[in-house]
C-alpha atoms as a PDB file:
ATOM      1  CA  MET A   1      83.728  -4.736 -24.174  1.00  0.00           C
ATOM      2  CA  TYR A   2      80.952  -7.265 -23.536  1.00  0.00           C
ATOM      3  CA  GLN A   3      77.286  -6.482 -23.209  1.00  0.00           C
ATOM      4  CA  TYR A   4      74.910  -8.799 -21.391  1.00  0.00           C
ATOM      5  CA  ARG A   5      71.222  -9.061 -22.189  1.00  0.00           C
ATOM      6  CA  MET A   6      68.232 -11.238 -21.574  1.00  0.00           C
ATOM      7  CA  ALA A   7      67.734 -13.296 -24.716  1.00  0.00           C
ATOM      8  CA  LYS A   8      65.003 -12.438 -27.177  1.00  0.00           C
ATOM      9  CA  ALA A   9      63.384 -14.768 -29.681  1.00  0.00           C
ATOM     10  CA  ASP A  10      65.483 -13.394 -32.539  1.00  0.00           C
ATOM     11  CA  TYR A  11      68.639 -14.523 -30.674  1.00  0.00           C
ATOM     12  CA  LEU A  12      67.658 -18.205 -30.755  1.00  0.00           C
ATOM     13  CA  LYS A  13      69.318 -19.053 -34.064  1.00  0.00           C
ATOM     14  CA  ARG A  14      72.671 -17.777 -32.763  1.00  0.00           C
ATOM     15  CA  ILE A  15      72.192 -19.543 -29.406  1.00  0.00           C
ATOM     16  CA  VAL A  16      71.737 -22.866 -31.215  1.00  0.00           C
ATOM     17  CA  GLU A  17      74.720 -22.179 -33.485  1.00  0.00           C
ATOM     18  CA  ILE A  18      76.915 -21.545 -30.431  1.00  0.00           C
ATOM     19  CA  GLU A  19      75.626 -24.649 -28.656  1.00  0.00           C
ATOM     20  CA  LEU A  20      76.249 -26.917 -31.642  1.00  0.00           C
ATOM     21  CA  ARG A  21      79.639 -25.353 -32.369  1.00  0.00           C
ATOM     22  CA  SER A  22      80.661 -25.892 -28.733  1.00  0.00           C
ATOM     23  CA  GLN A  23      79.821 -29.580 -29.078  1.00  0.00           C
ATOM     24  CA  MET A  24      82.328 -29.929 -31.894  1.00  0.00           C
ATOM     25  CA  GLU A  25      85.250 -28.436 -29.980  1.00  0.00           C
ATOM     26  CA  PRO A  26      88.081 -30.816 -29.056  1.00  0.00           C
ATOM     27  CA  HIS A  27      87.233 -30.829 -25.322  1.00  0.00           C
ATOM     28  CA  ALA A  28      83.557 -31.568 -25.876  1.00  0.00           C
ATOM     29  CA  SER A  29      82.115 -34.710 -24.356  1.00  0.00           C
ATOM     30  CA  PHE A  30      78.392 -34.538 -24.759  1.00  0.00           C
ATOM     31  CA  GLU A  31      76.828 -37.700 -23.483  1.00  0.00           C
ATOM     32  CA  GLU A  32      73.374 -36.192 -23.223  1.00  0.00           C
ATOM     33  CA  LYS A  33      70.681 -37.877 -25.260  1.00  0.00           C
ATOM     34  CA  TYR A  34      69.281 -34.762 -26.902  1.00  0.00           C
ATOM     35  CA  PRO A  35      69.204 -34.250 -30.656  1.00  0.00           C
ATOM     36  CA  THR A  36      72.161 -32.445 -32.159  1.00  0.00           C
ATOM     37  CA  ASP A  37      70.576 -31.287 -35.395  1.00  0.00           C
ATOM     38  CA  PHE A  38      69.866 -27.587 -35.737  1.00  0.00           C
ATOM     39  CA  ASP A  39      66.092 -27.756 -36.195  1.00  0.00           C
ATOM     40  CA  ALA A  40      65.543 -29.999 -33.173  1.00  0.00           C
ATOM     41  CA  ARG A  41      67.732 -27.849 -30.935  1.00  0.00           C
ATOM     42  CA  PHE A  42      66.093 -24.660 -32.232  1.00  0.00           C
ATOM     43  CA  GLN A  43      62.685 -26.067 -31.339  1.00  0.00           C
ATOM     44  CA  TRP A  44      63.930 -27.147 -27.898  1.00  0.00           C
ATOM     45  CA  TRP A  45      65.371 -23.692 -27.101  1.00  0.00           C
ATOM     46  CA  SER A  46      62.312 -21.976 -28.517  1.00  0.00           C
ATOM     47  CA  ASP A  47      60.117 -24.069 -26.232  1.00  0.00           C
ATOM     48  CA  TYR A  48      62.444 -23.369 -23.309  1.00  0.00           C
ATOM     49  CA  MET A  49      62.334 -19.625 -23.891  1.00  0.00           C
ATOM     50  CA  ASN A  50      58.582 -19.602 -24.438  1.00  0.00           C
ATOM     51  CA  ARG A  51      57.955 -21.801 -21.404  1.00  0.00           C
ATOM     52  CA  ALA A  52      56.215 -24.303 -23.669  1.00  0.00           C
ATOM     53  CA  ASN A  53      58.152 -27.338 -22.593  1.00  0.00           C
ATOM     54  CA  HIS A  54      57.706 -28.414 -19.043  1.00  0.00           C
ATOM     55  CA  ILE A  55      60.480 -30.907 -18.733  1.00  0.00           C
ATOM     56  CA  GLU A  56      60.247 -32.716 -15.430  1.00  0.00           C
ATOM     57  CA  LYS A  57      61.450 -30.514 -12.554  1.00  0.00           C
ATOM     58  CA  ILE A  58      61.665 -27.324 -14.652  1.00  0.00           C
ATOM     59  CA  SER A  59      59.378 -24.518 -13.626  1.00  0.00           C
ATOM     60  CA  VAL A  60      58.082 -21.827 -15.934  1.00  0.00           C
ATOM     61  CA  HIS A  61      60.564 -19.427 -14.305  1.00  0.00           C
ATOM     62  CA  ARG A  62      63.574 -19.503 -16.607  1.00  0.00           C
ATOM     63  CA  VAL A  63      66.031 -17.175 -18.233  1.00  0.00           C
ATOM     64  CA  ILE A  64      68.615 -17.111 -21.009  1.00  0.00           C
ATOM     65  CA  ILE A  65      71.329 -14.466 -20.790  1.00  0.00           C
ATOM     66  CA  VAL A  66      73.577 -13.717 -23.747  1.00  0.00           C
ATOM     67  CA  ALA A  67      77.015 -12.139 -23.944  1.00  0.00           C
ATOM     68  CA  MET A  68      77.561  -9.900 -26.936  1.00  0.00           C
ATOM     69  CA  ILE A  69      80.370  -8.029 -28.635  1.00  0.00           C
ATOM     70  CA  LYS A  70      79.004  -5.305 -30.896  1.00  0.00           C
ATOM     71  CA  LEU A  71      75.620  -7.065 -31.152  1.00  0.00           C
ATOM     72  CA  ASN A  72      77.243 -10.411 -32.009  1.00  0.00           C
ATOM     73  CA  ILE A  73      76.353 -13.121 -29.494  1.00  0.00           C
ATOM     74  CA  VAL A  74      79.482 -14.974 -28.325  1.00  0.00           C
ATOM     75  CA  GLY A  75      78.043 -16.998 -25.455  1.00  0.00           C
ATOM     76  CA  PHE A  76      75.063 -17.657 -23.257  1.00  0.00           C
ATOM     77  CA  ILE A  77      73.915 -19.148 -19.992  1.00  0.00           C
ATOM     78  CA  ALA A  78      70.441 -20.464 -19.215  1.00  0.00           C
ATOM     79  CA  GLY A  79      68.864 -21.373 -15.909  1.00  0.00           C
ATOM     80  CA  HIS A  80      65.541 -22.053 -14.296  1.00  0.00           C
ATOM     81  CA  LEU A  81      63.842 -22.679 -11.019  1.00  0.00           C
ATOM     82  CA  THR A  82      62.980 -26.277 -10.274  1.00  0.00           C
ATOM     83  CA  SER A  83      59.706 -27.639  -9.036  1.00  0.00           C
ATOM     84  CA  GLN A  84      61.357 -29.285  -6.065  1.00  0.00           C
ATOM     85  CA  PRO A  85      62.416 -27.751  -2.751  1.00  0.00           C
ATOM     86  CA  ASP A  86      66.090 -28.701  -3.000  1.00  0.00           C
ATOM     87  CA  PRO A  87      67.870 -27.760  -5.117  1.00  0.00           C
ATOM     88  CA  GLN A  88      65.754 -24.785  -6.003  1.00  0.00           C
ATOM     89  CA  GLY A  89      67.453 -23.926  -9.287  1.00  0.00           C
ATOM     90  CA  GLU A  90      69.446 -25.417 -12.123  1.00  0.00           C
ATOM     91  CA  ILE A  91      71.882 -24.113 -14.676  1.00  0.00           C
ATOM     92  CA  GLN A  92      70.489 -25.586 -17.860  1.00  0.00           C
ATOM     93  CA  SER A  93      73.361 -24.741 -20.149  1.00  0.00           C
ATOM     94  CA  MET A  94      76.378 -22.516 -20.622  1.00  0.00           C
ATOM     95  CA  ASN A  95      78.144 -22.267 -23.950  1.00  0.00           C
ATOM     96  CA  ILE A  96      80.785 -19.749 -24.905  1.00  0.00           C
ATOM     97  CA  LEU A  97      82.741 -19.594 -28.130  1.00  0.00           C
ATOM     98  CA  LYS A  98      86.251 -20.838 -27.464  1.00  0.00           C
ATOM     99  CA  PRO A  99      88.045 -17.581 -28.430  1.00  0.00           C
ATOM    100  CA  GLN A 100      86.043 -15.751 -25.732  1.00  0.00           C
ATOM    101  CA  TRP A 101      86.653 -18.274 -22.960  1.00  0.00           C
ATOM    102  CA  GLY A 102      88.986 -17.012 -20.239  1.00  0.00           C
ATOM    103  CA  LYS A 103      88.327 -13.347 -20.957  1.00  0.00           C
ATOM    104  CA  GLY A 104      85.830 -12.926 -18.133  1.00  0.00           C
ATOM    105  CA  VAL A 105      82.646 -13.527 -20.099  1.00  0.00           C
ATOM    106  CA  GLU A 106      82.046 -16.874 -18.384  1.00  0.00           C
ATOM    107  CA  VAL A 107      82.399 -15.344 -14.906  1.00  0.00           C
ATOM    108  CA  ASN A 108      80.099 -12.458 -15.745  1.00  0.00           C
ATOM    109  CA  LEU A 109      77.434 -14.771 -17.184  1.00  0.00           C
ATOM    110  CA  LEU A 110      77.559 -16.942 -14.051  1.00  0.00           C
ATOM    111  CA  ARG A 111      77.316 -13.888 -11.780  1.00  0.00           C
ATOM    112  CA  ILE A 112      74.357 -12.456 -13.690  1.00  0.00           C
ATOM    113  CA  LEU A 113      72.542 -15.779 -13.477  1.00  0.00           C
ATOM    114  CA  ALA A 114      73.433 -16.042  -9.773  1.00  0.00           C
ATOM    115  CA  ARG A 115      71.868 -12.605  -9.216  1.00  0.00           C
ATOM    116  CA  TRP A 116      68.766 -13.739 -11.096  1.00  0.00           C
ATOM    117  CA  PHE A 117      68.486 -16.771  -8.802  1.00  0.00           C
ATOM    118  CA  LYS A 118      69.167 -14.689  -5.696  1.00  0.00           C
ATOM    119  CA  SER A 119      66.487 -12.142  -6.650  1.00  0.00           C
ATOM    120  CA  ARG A 120      63.996 -15.006  -6.630  1.00  0.00           C
ATOM    121  CA  GLY A 121      65.039 -16.266  -3.216  1.00  0.00           C
ATOM    122  CA  VAL A 122      66.931 -19.256  -4.614  1.00  0.00           C
ATOM    123  CA  THR A 123      70.020 -20.405  -2.756  1.00  0.00           C
ATOM    124  CA  SER A 124      70.670 -24.026  -3.789  1.00  0.00           C
ATOM    125  CA  VAL A 125      71.495 -24.518  -7.458  1.00  0.00           C
ATOM    126  CA  TYR A 126      72.897 -27.463  -9.350  1.00  0.00           C
ATOM    127  CA  VAL A 127      74.345 -28.129 -12.771  1.00  0.00           C
ATOM    128  CA  ASN A 128      74.866 -31.387 -14.654  1.00  0.00           C
ATOM    129  CA  VAL A 129      78.201 -31.420 -16.446  1.00  0.00           C
ATOM    130  CA  ALA A 130      79.387 -34.011 -18.965  1.00  0.00           C
ATOM    131  CA  ALA A 131      82.322 -36.115 -17.807  1.00  0.00           C
ATOM    132  CA  GLN A 132      85.066 -34.401 -19.845  1.00  0.00           C
ATOM    133  CA  ASN A 133      83.587 -30.908 -19.835  1.00  0.00           C
ATOM    134  CA  PRO A 134      86.173 -28.271 -18.839  1.00  0.00           C
ATOM    135  CA  TYR A 135      83.472 -26.175 -17.130  1.00  0.00           C
ATOM    136  CA  LYS A 136      83.771 -28.537 -14.139  1.00  0.00           C
ATOM    137  CA  LYS A 137      86.910 -26.762 -12.928  1.00  0.00           C
ATOM    138  CA  PHE A 138      85.290 -23.404 -13.584  1.00  0.00           C
ATOM    139  CA  TYR A 139      82.252 -24.290 -11.486  1.00  0.00           C
ATOM    140  CA  THR A 140      84.348 -25.549  -8.563  1.00  0.00           C
ATOM    141  CA  ARG A 141      86.536 -22.420  -8.672  1.00  0.00           C
ATOM    142  CA  HIS A 142      83.320 -20.480  -8.212  1.00  0.00           C
ATOM    143  CA  GLY A 143      82.032 -22.393  -5.223  1.00  0.00           C
ATOM    144  CA  ALA A 144      80.263 -25.451  -6.617  1.00  0.00           C
ATOM    145  CA  THR A 145      80.793 -28.765  -4.878  1.00  0.00           C
ATOM    146  CA  ALA A 146      80.928 -32.064  -6.773  1.00  0.00           C
ATOM    147  CA  MET A 147      78.090 -34.342  -5.716  1.00  0.00           C
ATOM    148  CA  ASN A 148      79.301 -37.063  -8.118  1.00  0.00           C
ATOM    149  CA  ASP A 149      81.092 -37.191 -11.485  1.00  0.00           C
ATOM    150  CA  LEU A 150      78.325 -35.309 -13.273  1.00  0.00           C
ATOM    151  CA  LEU A 151      76.438 -33.242 -10.696  1.00  0.00           C
ATOM    152  CA  TYR A 152      77.744 -30.036  -9.103  1.00  0.00           C
ATOM    153  CA  ARG A 153      75.947 -27.924  -6.534  1.00  0.00           C
ATOM    154  CA  TRP A 154      76.015 -24.540  -4.831  1.00  0.00           C
ATOM    155  CA  ASP A 155      74.390 -24.439  -1.392  1.00  0.00           C
ATOM    156  CA  ASP A 156      74.370 -20.646  -1.657  1.00  0.00           C
ATOM    157  CA  ILE A 157      74.575 -19.382  -5.249  1.00  0.00           C
ATOM    158  CA  GLY A 158      74.438 -15.847  -3.843  1.00  0.00           C
ATOM    159  CA  LYS A 159      78.106 -16.158  -2.846  1.00  0.00           C
ATOM    160  CA  VAL A 160      79.018 -16.127  -6.530  1.00  0.00           C
ATOM    161  CA  THR A 161      77.720 -12.563  -6.772  1.00  0.00           C
ATOM    162  CA  GLU A 162      79.977 -11.534  -3.863  1.00  0.00           C
ATOM    163  CA  GLU A 163      83.234 -12.755  -5.406  1.00  0.00           C
ATOM    164  CA  SER A 164      85.831 -10.106  -6.126  1.00  0.00           C
END
């Protein structure tokens, strides 16, 4: 049913649409200080994909993986290596259209990203999650440990790929 692909530049418009749409859903609690207008987010994701922005602690090694149904993108996950020894990687963002949530797409995206990290020798990965974000429970069900209210961590992201 779903297809998973590495994102290409022509997917960026849809990635931004999904991100902004996710922010408007009833459960959304986005406390981050990034712009929420389309053009600013498009530029940010374009820079991220093209390795043009070197936000502190983000290496040039990064990936965006999309989930598609019949060539229509319904969700994505992005991650990168960090420039510090621990944690070695970070999940930058995961956004999935609400009708697709709970159908396995979120698990598959996480597993694909976990394999990407593992193939690069990364074990420790973290993710920052807004206070009311429902992904918190998802991340803990898949092995992440809460470091505080906003920061979750896997000591061995490779275990996610081994889940049944």
